N, C-alpha and C. Protein backbone atom coordinates (compact mmCIF):
# COMPACT_ATOMS: atom_id res chain seq x y z
N MET A 1 89.43 73.16 120.73
CA MET A 1 88.88 73.64 121.98
C MET A 1 89.96 74.34 122.79
N ASN A 2 89.66 75.48 123.34
CA ASN A 2 90.61 76.22 124.16
C ASN A 2 90.45 75.78 125.60
N ASP A 3 91.44 75.08 126.12
CA ASP A 3 91.38 74.58 127.50
C ASP A 3 92.15 75.47 128.47
N GLY A 4 92.55 76.68 128.00
CA GLY A 4 93.28 77.60 128.86
C GLY A 4 94.74 77.26 129.02
N VAL A 5 95.27 76.39 128.15
CA VAL A 5 96.67 76.00 128.21
C VAL A 5 97.32 76.25 126.85
N TYR A 6 98.52 76.79 126.88
CA TYR A 6 99.29 76.97 125.64
C TYR A 6 100.68 76.39 125.90
N VAL A 7 101.14 75.55 125.00
CA VAL A 7 102.49 75.00 125.08
C VAL A 7 103.22 75.43 123.83
N GLY A 8 104.39 76.00 123.98
CA GLY A 8 105.12 76.49 122.81
C GLY A 8 106.61 76.46 123.04
N ASN A 9 107.31 77.07 122.10
CA ASN A 9 108.76 77.22 122.16
C ASN A 9 109.06 78.70 121.99
N ALA A 10 109.77 79.29 122.95
CA ALA A 10 110.03 80.73 122.93
C ALA A 10 110.72 81.16 121.64
N GLY A 11 111.71 80.40 121.20
CA GLY A 11 112.44 80.76 119.98
C GLY A 11 111.56 80.75 118.75
N LYS A 12 110.68 79.77 118.65
CA LYS A 12 109.79 79.66 117.49
C LYS A 12 108.63 80.64 117.58
N ASP A 13 108.01 80.77 118.75
CA ASP A 13 106.87 81.65 118.90
C ASP A 13 107.27 83.13 118.81
N ALA A 14 108.47 83.44 119.24
CA ALA A 14 108.92 84.84 119.27
C ALA A 14 108.92 85.47 117.88
N VAL A 15 109.25 84.70 116.86
CA VAL A 15 109.30 85.27 115.51
C VAL A 15 107.92 85.65 114.98
N LEU A 16 106.88 85.16 115.62
CA LEU A 16 105.52 85.43 115.17
C LEU A 16 105.00 86.79 115.61
N ASP A 17 105.58 87.37 116.68
CA ASP A 17 105.04 88.62 117.22
C ASP A 17 106.16 89.52 117.75
N LYS A 18 107.19 89.71 116.94
CA LYS A 18 108.32 90.60 117.29
C LYS A 18 108.95 90.25 118.63
N GLY A 19 108.93 88.97 118.98
CA GLY A 19 109.55 88.51 120.22
C GLY A 19 108.60 88.37 121.40
N TRP A 20 107.45 89.00 121.31
CA TRP A 20 106.55 89.02 122.45
C TRP A 20 105.79 87.71 122.58
N LEU A 21 105.86 87.12 123.76
CA LEU A 21 105.21 85.85 124.04
C LEU A 21 103.91 86.01 124.81
N LEU A 22 103.80 87.10 125.56
CA LEU A 22 102.66 87.27 126.46
C LEU A 22 102.41 88.76 126.66
N GLY A 23 101.14 89.17 126.65
CA GLY A 23 100.82 90.57 126.90
C GLY A 23 99.46 90.95 126.35
N HIS A 24 99.15 92.25 126.42
CA HIS A 24 97.85 92.76 126.00
C HIS A 24 97.59 92.60 124.50
N PHE A 25 98.63 92.38 123.72
CA PHE A 25 98.55 92.32 122.27
C PHE A 25 98.13 90.95 121.74
N LYS A 26 97.99 89.96 122.61
CA LYS A 26 97.48 88.64 122.20
C LYS A 26 95.96 88.68 122.22
N ASP A 27 95.32 87.76 121.49
CA ASP A 27 93.86 87.69 121.49
C ASP A 27 93.35 87.41 122.90
N ALA A 28 92.24 88.01 123.25
CA ALA A 28 91.69 87.90 124.61
C ALA A 28 91.39 86.46 125.03
N ASP A 29 91.12 85.57 124.08
CA ASP A 29 90.83 84.17 124.43
C ASP A 29 92.09 83.30 124.44
N ASP A 30 93.25 83.90 124.22
CA ASP A 30 94.53 83.19 124.23
C ASP A 30 95.07 83.18 125.66
N PRO A 31 95.52 82.04 126.18
CA PRO A 31 96.09 82.03 127.54
C PRO A 31 97.28 82.97 127.73
N ARG A 32 97.88 83.42 126.62
CA ARG A 32 99.02 84.34 126.69
C ARG A 32 98.59 85.81 126.75
N TYR A 33 97.31 86.06 126.74
CA TYR A 33 96.80 87.43 126.87
C TYR A 33 96.93 87.88 128.33
N SER A 34 97.44 89.11 128.52
CA SER A 34 97.54 89.66 129.87
C SER A 34 97.59 91.18 129.80
N GLU A 35 96.86 91.82 130.68
CA GLU A 35 96.98 93.27 130.86
C GLU A 35 97.90 93.58 132.05
N THR A 36 98.37 92.53 132.69
CA THR A 36 99.18 92.67 133.89
C THR A 36 100.67 92.64 133.59
N VAL A 37 101.09 91.81 132.64
CA VAL A 37 102.52 91.60 132.39
C VAL A 37 102.75 91.31 130.91
N GLU A 38 103.96 91.64 130.44
CA GLU A 38 104.41 91.31 129.09
C GLU A 38 105.72 90.54 129.21
N ILE A 39 105.90 89.55 128.35
CA ILE A 39 107.15 88.78 128.33
C ILE A 39 107.65 88.69 126.90
N LYS A 40 108.94 88.96 126.72
CA LYS A 40 109.55 88.94 125.39
C LYS A 40 110.79 88.07 125.39
N TRP A 41 110.94 87.27 124.35
CA TRP A 41 112.14 86.48 124.09
C TRP A 41 112.84 87.22 122.96
N GLY A 42 113.90 87.94 123.30
CA GLY A 42 114.58 88.77 122.31
C GLY A 42 115.85 88.12 121.80
N VAL A 43 115.91 87.88 120.50
CA VAL A 43 117.11 87.34 119.86
C VAL A 43 117.67 88.47 119.00
N HIS A 44 118.90 88.89 119.32
CA HIS A 44 119.48 90.07 118.67
C HIS A 44 120.84 89.75 118.06
N PRO A 45 121.00 89.99 116.76
CA PRO A 45 122.32 89.81 116.16
C PRO A 45 123.29 90.88 116.68
N ARG A 46 124.58 90.58 116.59
CA ARG A 46 125.61 91.55 116.99
C ARG A 46 125.36 92.87 116.27
N GLY A 47 125.40 93.97 117.02
CA GLY A 47 125.21 95.30 116.44
C GLY A 47 123.77 95.77 116.40
N ASP A 48 122.83 94.89 116.73
CA ASP A 48 121.42 95.28 116.75
C ASP A 48 121.22 96.33 117.84
N LYS A 49 120.41 97.34 117.54
CA LYS A 49 120.14 98.37 118.55
C LYS A 49 118.71 98.85 118.40
N ARG A 50 118.21 99.41 119.48
CA ARG A 50 116.86 99.99 119.44
C ARG A 50 116.94 101.23 118.58
N SER A 51 115.97 101.41 117.69
CA SER A 51 116.05 102.52 116.73
C SER A 51 115.86 103.88 117.37
N GLN A 52 115.22 103.92 118.54
CA GLN A 52 115.08 105.18 119.27
C GLN A 52 114.85 104.88 120.75
N TRP A 53 115.17 105.84 121.59
CA TRP A 53 114.97 105.68 123.03
C TRP A 53 113.49 105.58 123.35
N VAL A 54 113.15 104.78 124.37
CA VAL A 54 111.81 104.79 124.94
C VAL A 54 111.79 105.94 125.94
N THR A 55 110.85 106.85 125.78
CA THR A 55 110.71 107.97 126.71
C THR A 55 109.32 107.94 127.31
N GLY A 56 109.19 108.51 128.49
CA GLY A 56 107.90 108.54 129.15
C GLY A 56 107.41 107.16 129.57
N GLU A 57 108.35 106.31 129.93
CA GLU A 57 108.04 104.93 130.30
C GLU A 57 107.00 104.87 131.42
N GLN A 58 105.99 104.00 131.24
CA GLN A 58 104.92 103.85 132.24
C GLN A 58 104.96 102.49 132.91
N ARG A 59 105.99 101.71 132.62
CA ARG A 59 106.06 100.34 133.16
C ARG A 59 107.36 100.15 133.92
N THR A 60 107.40 99.07 134.68
CA THR A 60 108.64 98.59 135.28
C THR A 60 109.10 97.45 134.39
N ALA A 61 110.42 97.29 134.24
CA ALA A 61 110.95 96.24 133.37
C ALA A 61 112.10 95.50 134.04
N LEU A 62 112.19 94.23 133.71
CA LEU A 62 113.29 93.36 134.11
C LEU A 62 113.83 92.76 132.82
N LEU A 63 115.12 92.90 132.58
CA LEU A 63 115.75 92.31 131.40
C LEU A 63 116.85 91.38 131.88
N VAL A 64 116.78 90.10 131.48
CA VAL A 64 117.73 89.08 131.90
C VAL A 64 118.52 88.58 130.69
N LEU A 65 119.84 88.53 130.81
CA LEU A 65 120.68 88.00 129.75
C LEU A 65 120.68 86.48 129.79
N ILE A 66 120.29 85.85 128.69
CA ILE A 66 120.33 84.40 128.55
C ILE A 66 121.69 84.00 127.97
N GLU A 67 122.09 84.69 126.90
CA GLU A 67 123.43 84.48 126.33
C GLU A 67 123.84 85.70 125.54
N GLY A 68 125.15 85.88 125.38
CA GLY A 68 125.68 86.99 124.61
C GLY A 68 126.26 88.09 125.49
N ARG A 69 126.22 89.30 124.96
CA ARG A 69 126.73 90.50 125.63
C ARG A 69 125.82 91.64 125.19
N PHE A 70 125.11 92.23 126.15
CA PHE A 70 124.02 93.14 125.84
C PHE A 70 124.12 94.37 126.72
N ARG A 71 123.98 95.54 126.13
CA ARG A 71 124.10 96.79 126.87
C ARG A 71 122.75 97.50 126.93
N VAL A 72 122.37 97.92 128.12
CA VAL A 72 121.14 98.70 128.32
C VAL A 72 121.57 100.11 128.67
N GLU A 73 121.07 101.07 127.91
CA GLU A 73 121.38 102.47 128.14
C GLU A 73 120.25 103.10 128.94
N LEU A 74 120.61 103.75 130.02
CA LEU A 74 119.68 104.45 130.89
C LEU A 74 120.20 105.88 131.06
N PRO A 75 119.37 106.81 131.46
CA PRO A 75 119.85 108.19 131.62
C PRO A 75 121.05 108.27 132.56
N GLY A 76 122.17 108.73 132.03
CA GLY A 76 123.38 108.89 132.82
C GLY A 76 124.07 107.60 133.22
N ARG A 77 123.65 106.48 132.62
CA ARG A 77 124.20 105.19 133.05
C ARG A 77 124.11 104.17 131.92
N SER A 78 125.17 103.39 131.77
CA SER A 78 125.18 102.30 130.80
C SER A 78 125.44 101.01 131.56
N VAL A 79 124.57 100.01 131.37
CA VAL A 79 124.67 98.75 132.10
C VAL A 79 125.04 97.65 131.11
N LEU A 80 126.16 96.97 131.35
CA LEU A 80 126.60 95.87 130.50
C LEU A 80 126.24 94.54 131.14
N LEU A 81 125.49 93.74 130.41
CA LEU A 81 125.15 92.39 130.85
C LEU A 81 126.03 91.44 130.06
N GLU A 82 126.89 90.70 130.76
CA GLU A 82 127.85 89.87 130.03
C GLU A 82 127.94 88.44 130.53
N GLU A 83 127.39 88.14 131.70
CA GLU A 83 127.38 86.77 132.20
C GLU A 83 125.95 86.27 132.20
N GLN A 84 125.76 85.02 131.80
CA GLN A 84 124.42 84.45 131.79
C GLN A 84 123.75 84.70 133.14
N GLY A 85 122.54 85.23 133.10
CA GLY A 85 121.82 85.53 134.33
C GLY A 85 121.96 86.96 134.80
N ASP A 86 122.91 87.73 134.25
CA ASP A 86 122.98 89.15 134.61
C ASP A 86 121.65 89.80 134.25
N TYR A 87 121.21 90.73 135.09
CA TYR A 87 119.95 91.40 134.79
C TYR A 87 119.95 92.83 135.30
N VAL A 88 119.00 93.59 134.77
CA VAL A 88 118.80 94.98 135.18
C VAL A 88 117.29 95.21 135.29
N VAL A 89 116.92 96.01 136.27
CA VAL A 89 115.53 96.39 136.48
C VAL A 89 115.46 97.91 136.46
N TRP A 90 114.48 98.46 135.75
CA TRP A 90 114.25 99.90 135.82
C TRP A 90 112.76 100.14 135.96
N GLY A 91 112.43 101.26 136.56
CA GLY A 91 111.04 101.54 136.90
C GLY A 91 110.39 102.57 136.00
N ARG A 92 109.17 102.88 136.37
CA ARG A 92 108.39 103.88 135.64
C ARG A 92 109.15 105.20 135.60
N GLY A 93 109.06 105.86 134.47
CA GLY A 93 109.71 107.15 134.31
C GLY A 93 111.16 107.08 133.90
N VAL A 94 111.74 105.88 133.77
CA VAL A 94 113.15 105.74 133.39
C VAL A 94 113.23 105.45 131.89
N ASP A 95 113.75 106.43 131.13
CA ASP A 95 113.93 106.24 129.69
C ASP A 95 115.01 105.18 129.46
N HIS A 96 114.98 104.54 128.28
CA HIS A 96 115.98 103.51 128.02
C HIS A 96 116.16 103.22 126.54
N SER A 97 117.28 102.58 126.26
CA SER A 97 117.57 102.05 124.94
C SER A 97 118.49 100.85 125.14
N TRP A 98 118.89 100.17 124.07
CA TRP A 98 119.75 99.00 124.22
C TRP A 98 120.58 98.76 122.95
N TYR A 99 121.63 97.94 123.11
CA TYR A 99 122.55 97.62 122.02
C TYR A 99 123.13 96.22 122.26
N ALA A 100 123.10 95.37 121.25
CA ALA A 100 123.68 94.03 121.35
C ALA A 100 125.14 94.08 120.94
N GLU A 101 126.05 94.00 121.91
CA GLU A 101 127.48 94.02 121.61
C GLU A 101 127.94 92.73 120.95
N GLU A 102 127.26 91.63 121.28
CA GLU A 102 127.46 90.34 120.63
C GLU A 102 126.08 89.77 120.33
N GLU A 103 126.02 88.73 119.51
CA GLU A 103 124.73 88.06 119.32
C GLU A 103 124.20 87.70 120.70
N SER A 104 122.97 88.07 120.98
CA SER A 104 122.43 87.94 122.33
C SER A 104 121.00 87.42 122.34
N VAL A 105 120.68 86.73 123.43
CA VAL A 105 119.31 86.34 123.73
C VAL A 105 119.00 86.92 125.10
N VAL A 106 117.89 87.66 125.18
CA VAL A 106 117.48 88.26 126.45
C VAL A 106 116.00 87.97 126.68
N LEU A 107 115.64 87.88 127.94
CA LEU A 107 114.24 87.72 128.34
C LEU A 107 113.84 89.00 129.04
N THR A 108 112.78 89.62 128.53
CA THR A 108 112.29 90.87 129.13
C THR A 108 110.90 90.63 129.71
N VAL A 109 110.71 91.12 130.94
CA VAL A 109 109.41 91.08 131.60
C VAL A 109 109.06 92.53 131.93
N ARG A 110 107.88 92.97 131.49
CA ARG A 110 107.43 94.34 131.77
C ARG A 110 106.05 94.29 132.40
N TRP A 111 105.82 95.23 133.29
CA TRP A 111 104.49 95.31 133.90
C TRP A 111 104.15 96.74 134.23
N PRO A 112 102.87 97.13 134.10
CA PRO A 112 101.78 96.38 133.50
C PRO A 112 101.92 96.35 131.98
N SER A 113 101.04 95.60 131.32
CA SER A 113 101.04 95.52 129.87
C SER A 113 100.15 96.65 129.33
N VAL A 114 100.80 97.65 128.72
CA VAL A 114 100.04 98.78 128.19
C VAL A 114 100.41 99.03 126.73
N PRO A 115 99.45 99.40 125.92
CA PRO A 115 99.73 99.68 124.51
C PRO A 115 100.49 100.98 124.33
N GLY A 116 101.13 101.11 123.18
CA GLY A 116 101.68 102.40 122.80
C GLY A 116 103.18 102.50 122.73
N TYR A 117 103.91 101.42 122.84
CA TYR A 117 105.37 101.52 122.86
C TYR A 117 106.07 100.95 121.63
N ALA A 118 105.31 100.50 120.66
CA ALA A 118 105.93 99.97 119.45
C ALA A 118 106.59 101.10 118.69
N VAL A 119 107.76 100.84 118.16
CA VAL A 119 108.44 101.82 117.32
C VAL A 119 107.80 101.75 115.94
N VAL A 120 107.32 102.89 115.46
CA VAL A 120 106.69 102.95 114.16
C VAL A 120 107.79 103.04 113.12
N GLN A 121 107.79 102.09 112.19
CA GLN A 121 108.79 102.08 111.11
C GLN A 121 108.40 103.13 110.07
N LYS A 122 109.33 104.00 109.77
CA LYS A 122 109.09 105.03 108.75
C LYS A 122 109.46 104.45 107.39
N GLY A 123 108.62 104.66 106.43
CA GLY A 123 108.92 104.04 105.16
C GLY A 123 108.46 104.85 104.07
């Protein structure tokens, strides 16, 4: 029975959906479904990087460093997150990319939750 409650572990649940814990991509009857916000638990090995820049961004994002050393690339600016709790916020229209300088864990919150930003793997 779905009682509108979900209890989980971010580290374990993240591997099931590319890190995403909450957003439009969950089933509509799942308490983690939202068209308002997306939340991601990102675990990145040293040297991990986004395969391409996000362009034409339609959301606002908050990225918080949990552990490690993580760089967010923005147009004309590079932001290094190196102390636990360091964070960066960027708004709609701001292109971005990222790079894990050390093994890192980051929490990302984006709003609203809109489809269309997954990187398509070429194969």
